Amino acid sequence: MPEIERQAGEVFRDVGMNAVADDEPLGLELLRGYVERGQAWVLADHADVPVAYLLADVVDGAGHVEQVSVIPGHAGQGLGRALIDHACEWALGNGLKAVTLTTFANVPWNAPYYERCGFRRLPADDLTPGLLRLRREEADHGLDAWPRVCMRRLLAGLNTPEQL
């Protein structure tokens, strides 16, 4: 998984975000925790080589996409969407009514992509305490050098935000 994240991060150089590309992947202990909790999913290519993964958490009663990475040579094949849909099914199966994430607002394969996957940008007034905490941590890590947003995808059977 760290190698997938490292390779996926390289595309940020194309949009002048070298600091993001240079950021160290998540540590093995942290990744092991996701695997042990059953909140990590990996997709492999035809040769059974891992090429994409997603890590999920629960934040304030919603599933939360912590990380999704796809090796650039495998982008555009629906792998990220398949992982996101799987995470949404996992969340729904665990009684969660939505899935959230934080991402870069203006990077084409970030917020605009997630909007195509059914996520909507959350106004500041709708941010939960957990999302606010994550945003503070991201800012402390230097990610606010570029505009960031929180997003949410309501899951099946929900009609209004009040049902959250």
N, C-alpha and C. Protein backbone atom coordinates (compact mmCIF):
# COMPACT_ATOMS: atom_id res chain seq x y z
N MET A 1 0.81 -1.20 0.00
CA MET A 1 0.00 0.00 0.00
C MET A 1 0.85 1.27 0.00
N PRO A 2 1.95 1.30 0.75
CA PRO A 2 2.77 2.52 0.69
C PRO A 2 3.29 2.82 -0.73
N GLU A 3 3.63 1.77 -1.47
CA GLU A 3 4.13 2.01 -2.83
C GLU A 3 3.02 2.52 -3.75
N ILE A 4 1.81 2.02 -3.57
CA ILE A 4 0.68 2.53 -4.34
C ILE A 4 0.48 4.02 -4.03
N GLU A 5 0.51 4.37 -2.75
CA GLU A 5 0.32 5.76 -2.35
C GLU A 5 1.45 6.64 -2.90
N ARG A 6 2.66 6.14 -2.85
CA ARG A 6 3.81 6.90 -3.35
C ARG A 6 3.64 7.19 -4.85
N GLN A 7 3.31 6.16 -5.61
CA GLN A 7 3.13 6.34 -7.06
C GLN A 7 1.94 7.24 -7.36
N ALA A 8 0.84 7.04 -6.64
CA ALA A 8 -0.36 7.87 -6.87
C ALA A 8 -0.07 9.33 -6.54
N GLY A 9 0.78 9.57 -5.57
CA GLY A 9 1.11 10.93 -5.19
C GLY A 9 1.92 11.68 -6.22
N GLU A 10 2.62 10.97 -7.07
CA GLU A 10 3.47 11.62 -8.07
C GLU A 10 2.70 12.52 -9.03
N VAL A 11 1.44 12.22 -9.30
CA VAL A 11 0.67 13.04 -10.24
C VAL A 11 0.42 14.45 -9.70
N PHE A 12 0.59 14.64 -8.40
CA PHE A 12 0.42 15.99 -7.85
C PHE A 12 1.52 16.94 -8.34
N ARG A 13 2.64 16.39 -8.78
CA ARG A 13 3.69 17.24 -9.35
C ARG A 13 3.19 17.95 -10.61
N ASP A 14 2.29 17.28 -11.35
CA ASP A 14 1.76 17.85 -12.59
C ASP A 14 0.95 19.11 -12.36
N VAL A 15 0.46 19.32 -11.13
CA VAL A 15 -0.33 20.51 -10.83
C VAL A 15 0.38 21.41 -9.82
N GLY A 16 1.71 21.25 -9.73
CA GLY A 16 2.51 22.12 -8.88
C GLY A 16 2.39 21.86 -7.39
N MET A 17 1.97 20.67 -7.01
CA MET A 17 1.80 20.33 -5.60
C MET A 17 2.90 19.35 -5.17
N ASN A 18 4.15 19.77 -5.33
CA ASN A 18 5.28 18.90 -5.01
C ASN A 18 5.31 18.45 -3.56
N ALA A 19 4.88 19.31 -2.66
CA ALA A 19 4.88 18.94 -1.24
C ALA A 19 3.95 17.76 -0.98
N VAL A 20 2.85 17.68 -1.71
CA VAL A 20 1.93 16.54 -1.56
C VAL A 20 2.60 15.29 -2.14
N ALA A 21 3.23 15.43 -3.29
CA ALA A 21 3.92 14.29 -3.90
C ALA A 21 5.05 13.79 -3.01
N ASP A 22 5.71 14.70 -2.30
CA ASP A 22 6.84 14.33 -1.44
C ASP A 22 6.42 13.80 -0.08
N ASP A 23 5.15 13.91 0.28
CA ASP A 23 4.68 13.48 1.59
C ASP A 23 4.87 11.97 1.74
N GLU A 24 5.30 11.58 2.91
CA GLU A 24 5.53 10.15 3.18
C GLU A 24 4.20 9.40 3.26
N PRO A 25 4.14 8.20 2.69
CA PRO A 25 2.93 7.38 2.81
C PRO A 25 2.65 7.03 4.27
N LEU A 26 1.45 6.58 4.52
CA LEU A 26 1.08 6.15 5.87
C LEU A 26 1.99 5.01 6.32
N GLY A 27 2.26 4.97 7.61
CA GLY A 27 3.14 3.95 8.17
C GLY A 27 2.50 2.58 8.21
N LEU A 28 3.35 1.56 8.25
CA LEU A 28 2.87 0.18 8.24
C LEU A 28 2.00 -0.16 9.44
N GLU A 29 2.32 0.36 10.62
CA GLU A 29 1.51 0.08 11.81
C GLU A 29 0.10 0.60 11.63
N LEU A 30 0.00 1.82 11.12
CA LEU A 30 -1.31 2.44 10.89
C LEU A 30 -2.09 1.62 9.84
N LEU A 31 -1.43 1.25 8.76
CA LEU A 31 -2.08 0.45 7.73
C LEU A 31 -2.52 -0.90 8.27
N ARG A 32 -1.68 -1.51 9.09
CA ARG A 32 -2.02 -2.81 9.68
C ARG A 32 -3.30 -2.71 10.51
N GLY A 33 -3.47 -1.60 11.22
CA GLY A 33 -4.69 -1.40 12.00
C GLY A 33 -5.94 -1.39 11.13
N TYR A 34 -5.88 -0.71 9.99
CA TYR A 34 -7.02 -0.71 9.07
C TYR A 34 -7.32 -2.12 8.58
N VAL A 35 -6.28 -2.86 8.23
CA VAL A 35 -6.45 -4.22 7.74
C VAL A 35 -7.09 -5.08 8.83
N GLU A 36 -6.58 -5.00 10.04
CA GLU A 36 -7.10 -5.82 11.13
C GLU A 36 -8.55 -5.49 11.46
N ARG A 37 -8.95 -4.23 11.29
CA ARG A 37 -10.34 -3.83 11.55
C ARG A 37 -11.25 -4.12 10.35
N GLY A 38 -10.70 -4.61 9.25
CA GLY A 38 -11.50 -4.87 8.07
C GLY A 38 -11.94 -3.60 7.37
N GLN A 39 -11.12 -2.56 7.46
CA GLN A 39 -11.46 -1.26 6.89
C GLN A 39 -10.43 -0.84 5.85
N ALA A 40 -9.83 -1.82 5.20
CA ALA A 40 -8.87 -1.58 4.11
C ALA A 40 -9.21 -2.55 2.99
N TRP A 41 -9.27 -2.03 1.75
CA TRP A 41 -9.57 -2.87 0.61
C TRP A 41 -8.56 -2.58 -0.48
N VAL A 42 -8.09 -3.63 -1.13
CA VAL A 42 -7.07 -3.52 -2.16
C VAL A 42 -7.58 -4.19 -3.43
N LEU A 43 -7.32 -3.56 -4.57
CA LEU A 43 -7.60 -4.17 -5.87
C LEU A 43 -6.28 -4.48 -6.56
N ALA A 44 -6.24 -5.60 -7.24
CA ALA A 44 -5.03 -6.03 -7.94
C ALA A 44 -5.30 -6.10 -9.45
N ASP A 45 -4.22 -6.08 -10.21
CA ASP A 45 -4.34 -6.20 -11.67
C ASP A 45 -4.44 -7.67 -12.07
N HIS A 46 -4.43 -7.95 -13.36
CA HIS A 46 -4.57 -9.32 -13.86
C HIS A 46 -3.45 -10.25 -13.40
N ALA A 47 -2.30 -9.67 -13.02
CA ALA A 47 -1.17 -10.47 -12.52
C ALA A 47 -1.18 -10.57 -11.00
N ASP A 48 -2.28 -10.12 -10.39
CA ASP A 48 -2.45 -10.15 -8.93
C ASP A 48 -1.48 -9.21 -8.20
N VAL A 49 -1.09 -8.13 -8.87
CA VAL A 49 -0.25 -7.09 -8.27
C VAL A 49 -1.16 -5.97 -7.77
N PRO A 50 -1.10 -5.62 -6.49
CA PRO A 50 -1.95 -4.54 -5.97
C PRO A 50 -1.71 -3.22 -6.71
N VAL A 51 -2.82 -2.58 -7.13
CA VAL A 51 -2.71 -1.33 -7.88
C VAL A 51 -3.58 -0.20 -7.31
N ALA A 52 -4.45 -0.52 -6.35
CA ALA A 52 -5.33 0.50 -5.77
C ALA A 52 -5.76 0.05 -4.39
N TYR A 53 -6.03 1.03 -3.52
CA TYR A 53 -6.55 0.68 -2.20
C TYR A 53 -7.36 1.82 -1.63
N LEU A 54 -8.18 1.50 -0.64
CA LEU A 54 -8.97 2.47 0.10
C LEU A 54 -8.94 2.10 1.56
N LEU A 55 -8.83 3.12 2.41
CA LEU A 55 -8.91 2.98 3.86
C LEU A 55 -10.16 3.71 4.33
N ALA A 56 -10.92 3.09 5.23
CA ALA A 56 -12.14 3.70 5.74
C ALA A 56 -12.10 3.81 7.25
N ASP A 57 -12.73 4.85 7.75
CA ASP A 57 -12.91 5.08 9.18
C ASP A 57 -14.39 5.35 9.43
N VAL A 58 -14.71 5.60 10.68
CA VAL A 58 -16.03 6.12 11.05
C VAL A 58 -15.77 7.44 11.75
N VAL A 59 -16.40 8.50 11.25
CA VAL A 59 -16.26 9.84 11.84
C VAL A 59 -17.66 10.38 12.10
N ASP A 60 -17.96 10.60 13.36
CA ASP A 60 -19.25 11.19 13.76
C ASP A 60 -20.44 10.45 13.16
N GLY A 61 -20.40 9.14 13.22
CA GLY A 61 -21.54 8.34 12.78
C GLY A 61 -21.66 8.17 11.27
N ALA A 62 -20.63 8.55 10.53
CA ALA A 62 -20.63 8.36 9.07
C ALA A 62 -19.37 7.59 8.70
N GLY A 63 -19.46 6.80 7.65
CA GLY A 63 -18.25 6.21 7.10
C GLY A 63 -17.38 7.36 6.61
N HIS A 64 -16.09 7.15 6.59
CA HIS A 64 -15.18 8.20 6.14
C HIS A 64 -14.06 7.59 5.31
N VAL A 65 -13.89 8.10 4.10
CA VAL A 65 -12.79 7.67 3.25
C VAL A 65 -11.54 8.39 3.72
N GLU A 66 -10.67 7.67 4.37
CA GLU A 66 -9.43 8.24 4.87
C GLU A 66 -8.41 8.41 3.75
N GLN A 67 -8.32 7.42 2.89
CA GLN A 67 -7.34 7.45 1.81
C GLN A 67 -7.83 6.55 0.69
N VAL A 68 -7.72 7.03 -0.53
CA VAL A 68 -7.93 6.18 -1.69
C VAL A 68 -6.82 6.52 -2.68
N SER A 69 -6.13 5.50 -3.14
CA SER A 69 -4.99 5.69 -4.04
C SER A 69 -5.04 4.66 -5.15
N VAL A 70 -4.74 5.14 -6.37
CA VAL A 70 -4.68 4.28 -7.55
C VAL A 70 -3.38 4.60 -8.28
N ILE A 71 -2.62 3.57 -8.62
CA ILE A 71 -1.39 3.78 -9.39
C ILE A 71 -1.78 4.46 -10.70
N PRO A 72 -1.08 5.53 -11.09
CA PRO A 72 -1.48 6.30 -12.28
C PRO A 72 -1.71 5.47 -13.55
N GLY A 73 -0.91 4.46 -13.81
CA GLY A 73 -1.10 3.65 -15.00
C GLY A 73 -2.41 2.86 -15.00
N HIS A 74 -3.08 2.81 -13.86
CA HIS A 74 -4.35 2.09 -13.74
C HIS A 74 -5.52 3.04 -13.52
N ALA A 75 -5.25 4.34 -13.52
CA ALA A 75 -6.32 5.32 -13.36
C ALA A 75 -7.23 5.29 -14.58
N GLY A 76 -8.47 5.71 -14.39
CA GLY A 76 -9.41 5.77 -15.49
C GLY A 76 -10.06 4.44 -15.83
N GLN A 77 -9.84 3.44 -15.00
CA GLN A 77 -10.41 2.11 -15.24
C GLN A 77 -11.56 1.79 -14.29
N GLY A 78 -11.95 2.76 -13.47
CA GLY A 78 -13.05 2.56 -12.54
C GLY A 78 -12.65 1.93 -11.22
N LEU A 79 -11.35 1.78 -10.96
CA LEU A 79 -10.91 1.14 -9.72
C LEU A 79 -11.24 1.99 -8.50
N GLY A 80 -10.96 3.29 -8.58
CA GLY A 80 -11.27 4.18 -7.47
C GLY A 80 -12.75 4.19 -7.17
N ARG A 81 -13.56 4.28 -8.21
CA ARG A 81 -15.02 4.27 -8.04
C ARG A 81 -15.48 2.95 -7.43
N ALA A 82 -14.92 1.84 -7.86
CA ALA A 82 -15.29 0.54 -7.30
C ALA A 82 -14.96 0.48 -5.81
N LEU A 83 -13.80 1.00 -5.44
CA LEU A 83 -13.42 1.02 -4.03
C LEU A 83 -14.34 1.93 -3.23
N ILE A 84 -14.67 3.09 -3.78
CA ILE A 84 -15.56 4.03 -3.09
C ILE A 84 -16.95 3.40 -2.92
N ASP A 85 -17.46 2.78 -3.97
CA ASP A 85 -18.76 2.12 -3.87
C ASP A 85 -18.73 1.01 -2.84
N HIS A 86 -17.62 0.27 -2.79
CA HIS A 86 -17.49 -0.80 -1.78
C HIS A 86 -17.49 -0.20 -0.38
N ALA A 87 -16.78 0.90 -0.18
CA ALA A 87 -16.76 1.55 1.13
C ALA A 87 -18.16 2.03 1.51
N CYS A 88 -18.92 2.51 0.54
CA CYS A 88 -20.29 2.94 0.82
C CYS A 88 -21.16 1.74 1.20
N GLU A 89 -20.99 0.62 0.54
CA GLU A 89 -21.73 -0.60 0.89
C GLU A 89 -21.34 -1.05 2.29
N TRP A 90 -20.05 -0.98 2.60
CA TRP A 90 -19.57 -1.33 3.95
C TRP A 90 -20.23 -0.44 4.99
N ALA A 91 -20.25 0.87 4.71
CA ALA A 91 -20.86 1.82 5.66
C ALA A 91 -22.34 1.51 5.84
N LEU A 92 -23.05 1.32 4.76
CA LEU A 92 -24.48 1.03 4.83
C LEU A 92 -24.72 -0.27 5.59
N GLY A 93 -23.90 -1.28 5.33
CA GLY A 93 -24.02 -2.55 6.04
C GLY A 93 -23.72 -2.45 7.52
N ASN A 94 -23.04 -1.38 7.91
CA ASN A 94 -22.74 -1.14 9.32
C ASN A 94 -23.68 -0.10 9.93
N GLY A 95 -24.79 0.16 9.25
CA GLY A 95 -25.80 1.06 9.79
C GLY A 95 -25.48 2.54 9.66
N LEU A 96 -24.49 2.89 8.85
CA LEU A 96 -24.11 4.29 8.68
C LEU A 96 -24.91 4.88 7.52
N LYS A 97 -25.27 6.14 7.63
CA LYS A 97 -26.18 6.75 6.67
C LYS A 97 -25.49 7.62 5.63
N ALA A 98 -24.19 7.79 5.77
CA ALA A 98 -23.45 8.64 4.84
C ALA A 98 -21.98 8.25 4.87
N VAL A 99 -21.27 8.71 3.86
CA VAL A 99 -19.81 8.58 3.82
C VAL A 99 -19.25 9.97 3.55
N THR A 100 -18.21 10.32 4.29
CA THR A 100 -17.58 11.62 4.14
C THR A 100 -16.14 11.45 3.68
N LEU A 101 -15.55 12.56 3.28
CA LEU A 101 -14.12 12.60 2.96
C LEU A 101 -13.67 14.05 2.95
N THR A 102 -12.38 14.25 3.01
CA THR A 102 -11.79 15.57 2.81
C THR A 102 -10.86 15.46 1.62
N THR A 103 -10.76 16.54 0.85
CA THR A 103 -9.99 16.46 -0.39
C THR A 103 -9.63 17.85 -0.89
N PHE A 104 -8.82 17.89 -1.92
CA PHE A 104 -8.46 19.16 -2.55
C PHE A 104 -9.61 19.61 -3.44
N ALA A 105 -9.97 20.89 -3.31
CA ALA A 105 -11.13 21.43 -4.01
C ALA A 105 -10.95 21.51 -5.52
N ASN A 106 -9.76 21.85 -5.96
CA ASN A 106 -9.57 22.20 -7.37
C ASN A 106 -8.72 21.23 -8.18
N VAL A 107 -8.38 20.10 -7.62
CA VAL A 107 -7.60 19.10 -8.34
C VAL A 107 -8.59 18.19 -9.06
N PRO A 108 -8.48 18.05 -10.39
CA PRO A 108 -9.49 17.32 -11.15
C PRO A 108 -9.81 15.92 -10.64
N TRP A 109 -8.82 15.19 -10.14
CA TRP A 109 -9.06 13.82 -9.67
C TRP A 109 -9.39 13.80 -8.17
N ASN A 110 -9.69 14.95 -7.60
CA ASN A 110 -10.12 15.04 -6.21
C ASN A 110 -11.59 15.48 -6.18
N ALA A 111 -11.91 16.66 -5.66
CA ALA A 111 -13.32 17.05 -5.47
C ALA A 111 -14.18 16.90 -6.73
N PRO A 112 -13.74 17.35 -7.91
CA PRO A 112 -14.60 17.16 -9.09
C PRO A 112 -14.88 15.67 -9.38
N TYR A 113 -13.89 14.82 -9.15
CA TYR A 113 -14.08 13.38 -9.33
C TYR A 113 -15.08 12.83 -8.32
N TYR A 114 -14.92 13.21 -7.06
CA TYR A 114 -15.82 12.71 -6.02
C TYR A 114 -17.25 13.19 -6.25
N GLU A 115 -17.41 14.37 -6.83
CA GLU A 115 -18.76 14.83 -7.18
C GLU A 115 -19.38 13.89 -8.21
N ARG A 116 -18.60 13.42 -9.15
CA ARG A 116 -19.11 12.46 -10.14
C ARG A 116 -19.44 11.12 -9.48
N CYS A 117 -18.86 10.86 -8.32
CA CYS A 117 -19.13 9.62 -7.57
C CYS A 117 -20.27 9.79 -6.57
N GLY A 118 -20.96 10.93 -6.61
CA GLY A 118 -22.13 11.12 -5.75
C GLY A 118 -21.89 11.91 -4.48
N PHE A 119 -20.69 12.43 -4.27
CA PHE A 119 -20.41 13.25 -3.09
C PHE A 119 -20.79 14.70 -3.38
N ARG A 120 -21.16 15.41 -2.32
CA ARG A 120 -21.46 16.85 -2.41
C ARG A 120 -20.61 17.60 -1.41
N ARG A 121 -20.17 18.79 -1.81
CA ARG A 121 -19.38 19.64 -0.91
C ARG A 121 -20.25 20.09 0.26
N LEU A 122 -19.68 20.05 1.44
CA LEU A 122 -20.41 20.46 2.64
C LEU A 122 -20.11 21.93 2.96
N PRO A 123 -21.15 22.72 3.21
CA PRO A 123 -20.90 24.08 3.68
C PRO A 123 -20.29 24.03 5.08
N ALA A 124 -19.58 25.07 5.44
CA ALA A 124 -18.89 25.12 6.74
C ALA A 124 -19.83 24.84 7.90
N ASP A 125 -21.08 25.29 7.81
CA ASP A 125 -22.04 25.10 8.90
C ASP A 125 -22.44 23.64 9.10
N ASP A 126 -22.20 22.80 8.10
CA ASP A 126 -22.57 21.39 8.19
C ASP A 126 -21.43 20.48 8.62
N LEU A 127 -20.27 21.05 8.92
CA LEU A 127 -19.14 20.22 9.33
C LEU A 127 -19.34 19.74 10.76
N THR A 128 -19.15 18.45 10.96
CA THR A 128 -19.28 17.85 12.28
C THR A 128 -18.00 18.07 13.07
N PRO A 129 -18.04 17.87 14.38
CA PRO A 129 -16.81 18.03 15.18
C PRO A 129 -15.65 17.17 14.68
N GLY A 130 -15.94 15.95 14.25
CA GLY A 130 -14.88 15.08 13.75
C GLY A 130 -14.27 15.59 12.45
N LEU A 131 -15.11 16.10 11.55
CA LEU A 131 -14.59 16.66 10.31
C LEU A 131 -13.78 17.92 10.58
N LEU A 132 -14.23 18.74 11.52
CA LEU A 132 -13.47 19.93 11.89
C LEU A 132 -12.10 19.54 12.46
N ARG A 133 -12.07 18.48 13.27
CA ARG A 133 -10.80 17.99 13.82
C ARG A 133 -9.88 17.52 12.70
N LEU A 134 -10.41 16.76 11.76
CA LEU A 134 -9.60 16.30 10.63
C LEU A 134 -9.05 17.47 9.83
N ARG A 135 -9.87 18.48 9.61
CA ARG A 135 -9.42 19.65 8.86
C ARG A 135 -8.31 20.39 9.60
N ARG A 136 -8.42 20.47 10.93
CA ARG A 136 -7.33 21.11 11.71
C ARG A 136 -6.04 20.31 11.58
N GLU A 137 -6.15 18.99 11.63
CA GLU A 137 -4.97 18.13 11.48
C GLU A 137 -4.36 18.31 10.10
N GLU A 138 -5.19 18.40 9.08
CA GLU A 138 -4.69 18.61 7.73
C GLU A 138 -3.99 19.97 7.60
N ALA A 139 -4.59 20.97 8.20
CA ALA A 139 -3.97 22.31 8.17
C ALA A 139 -2.63 22.27 8.88
N ASP A 140 -2.55 21.59 10.02
CA ASP A 140 -1.29 21.47 10.76
C ASP A 140 -0.24 20.73 9.93
N HIS A 141 -0.69 19.88 9.04
CA HIS A 141 0.22 19.10 8.18
C HIS A 141 0.62 19.88 6.92
N GLY A 142 0.06 21.07 6.76
CA GLY A 142 0.41 21.93 5.64
C GLY A 142 -0.46 21.79 4.41
N LEU A 143 -1.53 21.02 4.51
CA LEU A 143 -2.37 20.79 3.33
C LEU A 143 -3.22 21.99 2.94
N ASP A 144 -3.37 22.97 3.83
CA ASP A 144 -4.17 24.14 3.50
C ASP A 144 -3.44 25.12 2.60
N ALA A 145 -2.28 24.75 2.11
CA ALA A 145 -1.61 25.58 1.10
C ALA A 145 -2.44 25.59 -0.18
N TRP A 146 -3.36 24.64 -0.30
CA TRP A 146 -4.27 24.55 -1.43
C TRP A 146 -5.68 24.40 -0.87
N PRO A 147 -6.69 24.93 -1.56
CA PRO A 147 -8.06 24.85 -1.03
C PRO A 147 -8.51 23.41 -0.81
N ARG A 148 -9.12 23.17 0.36
CA ARG A 148 -9.62 21.86 0.74
C ARG A 148 -11.12 21.95 0.99
N VAL A 149 -11.80 20.83 0.84
CA VAL A 149 -13.22 20.75 1.12
C VAL A 149 -13.54 19.45 1.83
N CYS A 150 -14.64 19.47 2.57
CA CYS A 150 -15.23 18.26 3.12
C CYS A 150 -16.42 17.92 2.23
N MET A 151 -16.61 16.64 2.01
CA MET A 151 -17.68 16.19 1.14
C MET A 151 -18.43 15.04 1.81
N ARG A 152 -19.69 14.86 1.38
CA ARG A 152 -20.51 13.79 1.95
C ARG A 152 -21.35 13.16 0.84
N ARG A 153 -21.50 11.85 0.92
CA ARG A 153 -22.40 11.10 0.03
C ARG A 153 -23.43 10.43 0.92
N LEU A 154 -24.68 10.81 0.73
CA LEU A 154 -25.76 10.16 1.46
C LEU A 154 -25.97 8.77 0.86
N LEU A 155 -26.29 7.82 1.72
CA LEU A 155 -26.43 6.45 1.25
C LEU A 155 -27.89 6.11 1.00
N ALA A 156 -28.13 4.99 0.38
CA ALA A 156 -29.44 4.55 -0.10
C ALA A 156 -30.54 4.74 0.94
N GLY A 157 -31.67 5.19 0.44
CA GLY A 157 -32.84 5.30 1.30
C GLY A 157 -32.95 6.61 2.05
N LEU A 158 -31.99 7.48 1.89
CA LEU A 158 -32.06 8.76 2.58
C LEU A 158 -32.53 9.84 1.62
N ASN A 159 -33.40 10.71 2.11
CA ASN A 159 -33.93 11.76 1.27
C ASN A 159 -33.51 13.17 1.69
N THR A 160 -33.27 13.35 2.96
CA THR A 160 -32.99 14.70 3.44
C THR A 160 -31.81 14.69 4.39
N PRO A 161 -31.09 15.81 4.48
CA PRO A 161 -29.98 15.90 5.44
C PRO A 161 -30.44 15.71 6.88
N GLU A 162 -31.70 16.04 7.17
CA GLU A 162 -32.19 15.91 8.54
C GLU A 162 -32.18 14.45 9.01
N GLN A 163 -32.17 13.51 8.07
CA GLN A 163 -32.16 12.11 8.46
C GLN A 163 -30.81 11.66 8.98
N LEU A 164 -29.81 12.49 8.84
CA LEU A 164 -28.50 12.14 9.39
C LEU A 164 -28.56 12.29 10.87
